């Protein structure tokens, strides 16, 4: 049995989008940020790959109106950090 213990907060930085951003025209959008390379990451419950340098990016399709995204980073000890961002899309 292996037990992981980590003290301190899970690192999670969301570079894009800024909360409350408005996107017009193209509904293709990219969520980008940084966490620790060994962390797992999900966006709205979908697993997202974390690169060896800790960066992540995920392309999403926006629906017209308000779109919410919950980004969760989890370390090997099970600690989590969550950031919620809202983006408004207009055609």
Protein backbone atom coordinates (compact mmCIF):
# COMPACT_ATOMS: atom_id res chain seq x y z
CA UNK A 1 0.00 0.00 0.00
CA UNK A 2 1.25 3.47 -0.87
CA UNK A 3 0.04 6.54 0.98
CA UNK A 4 0.54 10.01 -0.45
CA UNK A 5 0.55 13.03 1.82
CA UNK A 6 1.03 16.53 0.60
CA UNK A 7 0.70 19.64 2.66
CA UNK A 8 -0.27 22.89 0.96
CA UNK A 9 -2.61 24.02 -1.75
CA UNK A 10 -2.86 22.47 -5.18
CA UNK A 11 -1.42 24.78 -7.85
CA UNK A 12 -3.95 25.84 -10.47
CA UNK A 13 -3.71 28.94 -12.67
CA UNK A 14 -6.25 29.57 -15.43
CA UNK A 15 -4.68 31.94 -17.96
CA UNK A 16 -7.62 32.00 -20.35
CA UNK A 17 -10.49 32.75 -20.18
CA UNK A 18 -10.84 35.58 -17.74
CA UNK A 19 -14.01 35.28 -15.71
CA UNK A 20 -16.86 37.15 -17.36
CA UNK A 21 -15.19 37.28 -20.79
CA UNK A 22 -17.31 37.85 -23.89
CA UNK A 23 -16.55 36.04 -27.14
CA UNK A 24 -18.10 37.06 -30.43
CA UNK A 25 -18.11 35.35 -33.82
CA UNK A 26 -16.26 32.02 -33.68
CA UNK A 27 -17.69 29.60 -31.09
CA UNK A 28 -14.41 27.63 -30.86
CA UNK A 29 -12.58 28.55 -27.67
CA UNK A 30 -9.47 27.37 -25.83
CA UNK A 31 -9.11 27.06 -22.06
CA UNK A 32 -5.43 27.36 -21.02
CA UNK A 33 -3.53 27.31 -17.78
CA UNK A 34 -0.90 25.81 -15.52
CA UNK A 35 -0.78 23.22 -12.76
CA UNK A 36 1.82 20.79 -11.46
CA UNK A 37 2.85 18.17 -14.06
CA UNK A 38 1.86 15.20 -11.86
CA UNK A 39 -1.65 16.54 -11.21
CA UNK A 40 -4.77 15.34 -12.97
CA UNK A 41 -7.06 17.96 -14.45
CA UNK A 42 -10.68 18.04 -15.55
CA UNK A 43 -12.84 20.67 -17.23
CA UNK A 44 -16.57 20.19 -16.63
CA UNK A 45 -15.89 16.58 -15.66
CA UNK A 46 -13.82 15.74 -18.75
CA UNK A 47 -10.20 14.69 -18.24
CA UNK A 48 -7.69 17.09 -19.82
CA UNK A 49 -4.04 16.27 -20.56
CA UNK A 50 -1.37 18.05 -18.50
CA UNK A 51 1.99 18.48 -20.28
CA UNK A 52 5.33 17.63 -18.68
CA UNK A 53 5.85 21.35 -17.96
CA UNK A 54 2.46 21.60 -16.20
CA UNK A 55 0.63 23.50 -18.93
CA UNK A 56 -2.78 22.46 -20.18
CA UNK A 57 -5.13 23.52 -22.94
CA UNK A 58 -8.49 22.28 -24.09
CA UNK A 59 -10.62 23.35 -27.04
CA UNK A 60 -14.32 23.78 -26.31
CA UNK A 61 -17.38 24.73 -28.35
CA UNK A 62 -19.36 27.60 -26.88
CA UNK A 63 -23.15 27.73 -26.92
CA UNK A 64 -24.86 31.06 -27.47
CA UNK A 65 -25.28 32.86 -24.16
CA UNK A 66 -23.51 32.14 -20.89
CA UNK A 67 -21.13 29.15 -20.69
CA UNK A 68 -19.76 27.94 -17.36
CA UNK A 69 -16.56 25.97 -16.89
CA UNK A 70 -15.32 24.26 -13.73
CA UNK A 71 -11.61 23.48 -13.88
CA UNK A 72 -10.39 21.05 -11.20
CA UNK A 73 -6.77 20.07 -10.51
CA UNK A 74 -6.16 17.08 -8.20
CA UNK A 75 -2.81 15.96 -6.80
CA UNK A 76 -1.77 12.39 -6.02
CA UNK A 77 -2.80 12.79 -2.38
CA UNK A 78 -6.36 13.63 -3.47
CA UNK A 79 -6.22 17.35 -2.67
CA UNK A 80 -8.15 19.55 -5.09
CA UNK A 81 -8.28 23.13 -6.32
CA UNK A 82 -11.27 24.31 -8.33
CA UNK A 83 -11.76 27.46 -10.41
CA UNK A 84 -15.03 28.40 -12.09
CA UNK A 85 -15.04 30.66 -15.13
CA UNK A 86 -17.96 32.05 -17.10
CA UNK A 87 -17.79 33.07 -20.76
CA UNK A 88 -20.59 34.69 -22.73
CA UNK A 89 -20.80 33.88 -26.44
CA UNK A 90 -22.67 35.93 -29.04
CA UNK A 91 -22.82 35.23 -32.78
